[in-house]
Amino acid sequence: MHPSINIEAALASLTEHWSPKVVGRVNDQYVKVAKLLGQIVWHRHDDEDELFQVIRGRLRLQFEDGSETVLSPGEFCVVPRGVMHNPVADEECCILLIETVTTKHTGDVETPMTRSIDQQLA
């Protein structure tokens, strides 16, 4: 059987901001959904690219060079491996993430909001 995934239903099931949940897997990539509000932490992923796609709301991606990318619903941005970034949601934002299965939530930075892959799979 090949189940379909309803992204809106998956987002509706989330109760915490900055706590991504895995909703699918394509080869060595996880497909995740998350609700964001505020910011989490400046971080980088040394070995993995990361895709942010906005489903609802707006997301600002700040970069270490001082640039910023603002995403609206239907838009995505790939953050290349090794690039320091800081996701910011001034109002609640719902996103879809595509990340390699080895990607740590906040790179090598640990905060109280950091979620392990086991927590993201639950």
N, C-alpha and C. Protein backbone atom coordinates (compact mmCIF):
# COMPACT_ATOMS: atom_id res chain seq x y z
N MET A 1 0.83 -1.18 0.00
CA MET A 1 0.00 0.00 0.00
C MET A 1 0.88 1.24 0.00
N HIS A 2 0.42 2.27 -0.68
CA HIS A 2 1.17 3.51 -0.81
C HIS A 2 0.32 4.66 -0.27
N PRO A 3 0.45 4.94 1.02
CA PRO A 3 -0.44 5.95 1.63
C PRO A 3 -0.11 7.36 1.14
N SER A 4 -1.13 8.19 1.10
CA SER A 4 -0.91 9.60 0.81
C SER A 4 -0.73 10.33 2.14
N ILE A 5 -0.04 11.44 2.09
CA ILE A 5 0.18 12.26 3.29
C ILE A 5 -0.50 13.60 3.06
N ASN A 6 -1.34 13.99 3.98
CA ASN A 6 -2.00 15.28 3.91
C ASN A 6 -1.17 16.27 4.74
N ILE A 7 -0.53 17.20 4.07
CA ILE A 7 0.36 18.14 4.75
C ILE A 7 -0.40 19.00 5.75
N GLU A 8 -1.58 19.47 5.38
CA GLU A 8 -2.36 20.31 6.31
C GLU A 8 -2.73 19.53 7.57
N ALA A 9 -3.12 18.26 7.43
CA ALA A 9 -3.45 17.44 8.60
C ALA A 9 -2.21 17.20 9.46
N ALA A 10 -1.07 16.97 8.82
CA ALA A 10 0.17 16.78 9.57
C ALA A 10 0.53 18.04 10.35
N LEU A 11 0.37 19.21 9.71
CA LEU A 11 0.64 20.47 10.41
C LEU A 11 -0.35 20.69 11.55
N ALA A 12 -1.61 20.35 11.35
CA ALA A 12 -2.63 20.53 12.38
C ALA A 12 -2.34 19.69 13.62
N SER A 13 -1.63 18.59 13.45
CA SER A 13 -1.32 17.72 14.59
C SER A 13 -0.18 18.26 15.46
N LEU A 14 0.55 19.25 14.97
CA LEU A 14 1.68 19.79 15.72
C LEU A 14 1.21 20.71 16.83
N THR A 15 1.82 20.55 18.01
CA THR A 15 1.44 21.37 19.16
C THR A 15 2.56 22.30 19.62
N GLU A 16 3.79 22.08 19.14
CA GLU A 16 4.93 22.89 19.58
C GLU A 16 5.58 23.56 18.38
N HIS A 17 6.05 24.79 18.61
CA HIS A 17 6.84 25.46 17.59
C HIS A 17 8.26 24.91 17.63
N TRP A 18 8.91 24.92 16.47
CA TRP A 18 10.30 24.49 16.32
C TRP A 18 10.51 23.02 16.67
N SER A 19 9.49 22.21 16.50
CA SER A 19 9.59 20.79 16.78
C SER A 19 9.18 20.00 15.54
N PRO A 20 10.09 19.89 14.55
CA PRO A 20 9.74 19.23 13.28
C PRO A 20 9.33 17.77 13.49
N LYS A 21 8.42 17.32 12.63
CA LYS A 21 8.00 15.92 12.64
C LYS A 21 8.21 15.33 11.26
N VAL A 22 8.80 14.14 11.24
CA VAL A 22 9.01 13.42 9.98
C VAL A 22 7.68 12.87 9.49
N VAL A 23 7.33 13.18 8.23
CA VAL A 23 6.08 12.67 7.66
C VAL A 23 6.33 11.77 6.45
N GLY A 24 7.60 11.67 6.03
CA GLY A 24 7.92 10.81 4.90
C GLY A 24 9.42 10.69 4.72
N ARG A 25 9.77 9.76 3.85
CA ARG A 25 11.18 9.56 3.53
C ARG A 25 11.30 9.26 2.04
N VAL A 26 12.25 9.91 1.40
CA VAL A 26 12.56 9.68 -0.01
C VAL A 26 14.06 9.37 -0.06
N ASN A 27 14.39 8.11 -0.30
CA ASN A 27 15.79 7.67 -0.29
C ASN A 27 16.44 8.07 1.03
N ASP A 28 17.47 8.89 1.01
CA ASP A 28 18.16 9.30 2.23
C ASP A 28 17.73 10.68 2.72
N GLN A 29 16.52 11.09 2.35
CA GLN A 29 16.00 12.40 2.75
C GLN A 29 14.72 12.21 3.56
N TYR A 30 14.62 12.96 4.65
CA TYR A 30 13.37 13.02 5.39
C TYR A 30 12.55 14.20 4.88
N VAL A 31 11.25 14.02 4.83
CA VAL A 31 10.31 15.09 4.57
C VAL A 31 9.68 15.39 5.93
N LYS A 32 9.76 16.66 6.36
CA LYS A 32 9.30 17.04 7.69
C LYS A 32 8.34 18.22 7.59
N VAL A 33 7.48 18.36 8.58
CA VAL A 33 6.65 19.54 8.72
C VAL A 33 6.95 20.18 10.07
N ALA A 34 6.75 21.49 10.15
CA ALA A 34 7.02 22.20 11.40
C ALA A 34 6.22 23.49 11.43
N LYS A 35 5.89 23.90 12.65
CA LYS A 35 5.33 25.23 12.89
C LYS A 35 6.42 26.05 13.56
N LEU A 36 6.59 27.27 13.10
CA LEU A 36 7.65 28.14 13.62
C LEU A 36 7.05 29.43 14.14
N LEU A 37 7.67 29.97 15.17
CA LEU A 37 7.31 31.29 15.69
C LEU A 37 8.53 31.83 16.43
N GLY A 38 8.94 33.02 16.08
CA GLY A 38 10.16 33.60 16.66
C GLY A 38 11.36 33.04 15.92
N GLN A 39 12.43 32.82 16.67
CA GLN A 39 13.64 32.25 16.06
C GLN A 39 14.19 31.16 16.94
N ILE A 40 15.04 30.33 16.37
CA ILE A 40 15.58 29.21 17.14
C ILE A 40 17.02 29.48 17.54
N VAL A 41 17.96 29.50 16.58
CA VAL A 41 19.36 29.76 16.89
C VAL A 41 20.14 29.83 15.57
N TRP A 42 21.17 30.65 15.55
CA TRP A 42 22.08 30.64 14.41
C TRP A 42 22.79 29.30 14.40
N HIS A 43 22.83 28.64 13.23
CA HIS A 43 23.51 27.35 13.14
C HIS A 43 23.84 27.04 11.69
N ARG A 44 24.57 25.96 11.50
CA ARG A 44 24.89 25.48 10.16
C ARG A 44 24.90 23.96 10.18
N HIS A 45 24.79 23.40 8.99
CA HIS A 45 24.91 21.96 8.81
C HIS A 45 26.11 21.76 7.90
N ASP A 46 27.20 21.27 8.47
CA ASP A 46 28.46 21.19 7.73
C ASP A 46 28.42 20.25 6.54
N ASP A 47 27.59 19.21 6.61
CA ASP A 47 27.62 18.18 5.57
C ASP A 47 26.33 18.03 4.77
N GLU A 48 25.31 18.82 5.08
CA GLU A 48 24.02 18.63 4.43
C GLU A 48 23.40 19.96 3.98
N ASP A 49 22.76 19.93 2.80
CA ASP A 49 21.92 21.04 2.37
C ASP A 49 20.57 20.87 3.09
N GLU A 50 19.78 21.96 3.11
CA GLU A 50 18.50 21.93 3.80
C GLU A 50 17.50 22.75 2.98
N LEU A 51 16.31 22.18 2.72
CA LEU A 51 15.28 22.88 1.96
C LEU A 51 14.16 23.31 2.89
N PHE A 52 13.84 24.61 2.84
CA PHE A 52 12.71 25.18 3.58
C PHE A 52 11.65 25.57 2.56
N GLN A 53 10.43 25.05 2.69
CA GLN A 53 9.31 25.49 1.84
C GLN A 53 8.19 25.98 2.74
N VAL A 54 7.69 27.17 2.47
CA VAL A 54 6.63 27.74 3.27
C VAL A 54 5.27 27.26 2.75
N ILE A 55 4.46 26.75 3.67
CA ILE A 55 3.10 26.32 3.37
C ILE A 55 2.13 27.45 3.73
N ARG A 56 2.30 28.03 4.93
CA ARG A 56 1.49 29.16 5.39
C ARG A 56 2.39 30.15 6.11
N GLY A 57 2.06 31.42 6.03
CA GLY A 57 2.82 32.45 6.73
C GLY A 57 4.01 32.93 5.92
N ARG A 58 4.97 33.51 6.62
CA ARG A 58 6.20 34.00 5.99
C ARG A 58 7.38 33.58 6.84
N LEU A 59 8.49 33.29 6.19
CA LEU A 59 9.71 32.89 6.88
C LEU A 59 10.86 33.74 6.37
N ARG A 60 11.62 34.29 7.30
CA ARG A 60 12.84 35.01 6.94
C ARG A 60 14.03 34.10 7.24
N LEU A 61 14.89 33.93 6.28
CA LEU A 61 16.13 33.20 6.50
C LEU A 61 17.25 34.22 6.48
N GLN A 62 17.88 34.40 7.64
CA GLN A 62 19.00 35.32 7.76
C GLN A 62 20.29 34.53 7.53
N PHE A 63 21.26 35.18 6.89
CA PHE A 63 22.53 34.52 6.58
C PHE A 63 23.69 35.32 7.16
N GLU A 64 24.79 34.60 7.42
CA GLU A 64 25.93 35.20 8.10
C GLU A 64 26.54 36.37 7.34
N ASP A 65 26.34 36.45 6.03
CA ASP A 65 26.90 37.55 5.24
C ASP A 65 26.03 38.81 5.33
N GLY A 66 24.96 38.76 6.13
CA GLY A 66 24.08 39.91 6.30
C GLY A 66 22.89 39.90 5.36
N SER A 67 22.84 38.97 4.42
CA SER A 67 21.71 38.90 3.50
C SER A 67 20.54 38.18 4.17
N GLU A 68 19.39 38.30 3.54
CA GLU A 68 18.18 37.70 4.07
C GLU A 68 17.29 37.29 2.90
N THR A 69 16.65 36.14 3.01
CA THR A 69 15.68 35.69 2.03
C THR A 69 14.33 35.56 2.74
N VAL A 70 13.30 36.16 2.15
CA VAL A 70 11.96 36.09 2.72
C VAL A 70 11.12 35.17 1.84
N LEU A 71 10.54 34.15 2.47
CA LEU A 71 9.73 33.16 1.76
C LEU A 71 8.25 33.34 2.10
N SER A 72 7.43 33.30 1.08
CA SER A 72 5.97 33.34 1.21
C SER A 72 5.42 31.97 0.84
N PRO A 73 4.12 31.73 1.07
CA PRO A 73 3.55 30.43 0.75
C PRO A 73 3.84 30.01 -0.70
N GLY A 74 4.25 28.75 -0.85
CA GLY A 74 4.57 28.21 -2.16
C GLY A 74 6.02 28.40 -2.57
N GLU A 75 6.80 29.15 -1.80
CA GLU A 75 8.20 29.39 -2.13
C GLU A 75 9.11 28.53 -1.26
N PHE A 76 10.27 28.20 -1.83
CA PHE A 76 11.26 27.46 -1.05
C PHE A 76 12.65 28.02 -1.29
N CYS A 77 13.54 27.68 -0.37
CA CYS A 77 14.94 28.09 -0.46
C CYS A 77 15.79 26.91 0.02
N VAL A 78 16.86 26.65 -0.71
CA VAL A 78 17.82 25.63 -0.28
C VAL A 78 18.98 26.35 0.39
N VAL A 79 19.24 25.99 1.64
CA VAL A 79 20.39 26.52 2.36
C VAL A 79 21.53 25.53 2.14
N PRO A 80 22.59 25.95 1.46
CA PRO A 80 23.70 25.03 1.18
C PRO A 80 24.44 24.62 2.45
N ARG A 81 25.00 23.42 2.40
CA ARG A 81 25.79 22.93 3.53
C ARG A 81 26.86 23.95 3.90
N GLY A 82 27.12 24.06 5.19
CA GLY A 82 28.17 24.93 5.70
C GLY A 82 27.79 26.39 5.83
N VAL A 83 26.59 26.78 5.42
CA VAL A 83 26.18 28.18 5.48
C VAL A 83 25.47 28.46 6.81
N MET A 84 26.01 29.39 7.58
CA MET A 84 25.39 29.79 8.84
C MET A 84 24.08 30.51 8.52
N HIS A 85 22.99 30.08 9.20
CA HIS A 85 21.68 30.67 8.93
C HIS A 85 20.86 30.72 10.21
N ASN A 86 19.83 31.56 10.16
CA ASN A 86 18.94 31.74 11.30
C ASN A 86 17.51 31.91 10.76
N PRO A 87 16.67 30.88 10.88
CA PRO A 87 15.28 31.02 10.46
C PRO A 87 14.50 31.86 11.46
N VAL A 88 13.69 32.81 10.95
CA VAL A 88 12.90 33.70 11.81
C VAL A 88 11.47 33.77 11.29
N ALA A 89 10.50 33.54 12.17
CA ALA A 89 9.08 33.68 11.83
C ALA A 89 8.51 34.75 12.75
N ASP A 90 8.25 35.93 12.20
CA ASP A 90 7.71 37.03 13.01
C ASP A 90 6.28 36.72 13.46
N GLU A 91 5.55 35.96 12.67
CA GLU A 91 4.24 35.43 13.04
C GLU A 91 4.29 33.93 12.74
N GLU A 92 3.33 33.17 13.27
CA GLU A 92 3.39 31.73 13.06
C GLU A 92 3.49 31.39 11.58
N CYS A 93 4.36 30.46 11.29
CA CYS A 93 4.65 30.04 9.92
C CYS A 93 4.65 28.51 9.90
N CYS A 94 4.10 27.93 8.85
CA CYS A 94 4.09 26.47 8.70
C CYS A 94 4.97 26.12 7.50
N ILE A 95 5.87 25.18 7.71
CA ILE A 95 6.82 24.85 6.65
C ILE A 95 6.92 23.35 6.41
N LEU A 96 7.47 23.03 5.27
CA LEU A 96 7.88 21.69 4.92
C LEU A 96 9.39 21.74 4.77
N LEU A 97 10.08 20.78 5.35
CA LEU A 97 11.54 20.69 5.26
C LEU A 97 11.91 19.41 4.53
N ILE A 98 12.97 19.48 3.76
CA ILE A 98 13.57 18.27 3.20
C ILE A 98 15.03 18.29 3.62
N GLU A 99 15.41 17.27 4.37
CA GLU A 99 16.75 17.19 4.94
C GLU A 99 17.28 15.76 4.85
N THR A 100 18.57 15.65 4.66
CA THR A 100 19.22 14.34 4.71
C THR A 100 18.97 13.72 6.08
N VAL A 101 18.84 12.41 6.14
CA VAL A 101 18.52 11.73 7.40
C VAL A 101 19.56 11.98 8.49
N THR A 102 20.76 12.42 8.12
CA THR A 102 21.82 12.68 9.10
C THR A 102 21.80 14.10 9.64
N THR A 103 20.89 14.94 9.14
CA THR A 103 20.87 16.36 9.52
C THR A 103 20.41 16.52 10.97
N LYS A 104 21.26 17.16 11.78
CA LYS A 104 20.89 17.49 13.15
C LYS A 104 20.03 18.74 13.14
N HIS A 105 19.02 18.77 13.97
CA HIS A 105 18.04 19.85 14.01
C HIS A 105 18.68 21.24 14.03
N THR A 106 19.61 21.48 14.91
CA THR A 106 20.27 22.78 15.02
C THR A 106 21.77 22.66 14.81
N GLY A 107 22.17 21.78 13.89
CA GLY A 107 23.60 21.60 13.62
C GLY A 107 24.33 21.16 14.87
N ASP A 108 25.47 21.79 15.14
CA ASP A 108 26.25 21.45 16.33
C ASP A 108 25.92 22.34 17.52
N VAL A 109 24.88 23.16 17.39
CA VAL A 109 24.45 24.04 18.48
C VAL A 109 23.31 23.35 19.21
N GLU A 110 23.44 23.22 20.52
CA GLU A 110 22.39 22.61 21.34
C GLU A 110 21.67 23.70 22.12
N THR A 111 20.35 23.70 22.05
CA THR A 111 19.53 24.62 22.84
C THR A 111 18.41 23.79 23.47
N PRO A 112 17.66 24.36 24.40
CA PRO A 112 16.52 23.64 24.95
C PRO A 112 15.47 23.28 23.89
N MET A 113 15.49 23.98 22.75
CA MET A 113 14.52 23.70 21.68
C MET A 113 15.03 22.67 20.68
N THR A 114 16.29 22.24 20.79
CA THR A 114 16.83 21.25 19.87
C THR A 114 16.10 19.93 20.03
N ARG A 115 15.73 19.31 18.89
CA ARG A 115 15.02 18.03 18.91
C ARG A 115 15.87 16.98 18.22
N SER A 116 15.99 15.82 18.87
CA SER A 116 16.73 14.70 18.28
C SER A 116 15.92 14.10 17.15
N ILE A 117 16.54 13.29 16.32
CA ILE A 117 15.80 12.65 15.25
C ILE A 117 14.75 11.71 15.82
N ASP A 118 15.03 11.06 16.95
CA ASP A 118 14.04 10.19 17.58
C ASP A 118 12.78 10.98 17.96
N GLN A 119 12.96 12.20 18.47
CA GLN A 119 11.82 13.04 18.80
C GLN A 119 11.06 13.46 17.54
N GLN A 120 11.77 13.67 16.46
CA GLN A 120 11.14 14.08 15.20
C GLN A 120 10.39 12.92 14.54
N LEU A 121 10.79 11.70 14.84
CA LEU A 121 10.13 10.52 14.29
C LEU A 121 8.90 10.10 15.09
N ALA A 122 8.80 10.58 16.32
CA ALA A 122 7.69 10.18 17.21
C ALA A 122 6.36 10.72 16.75
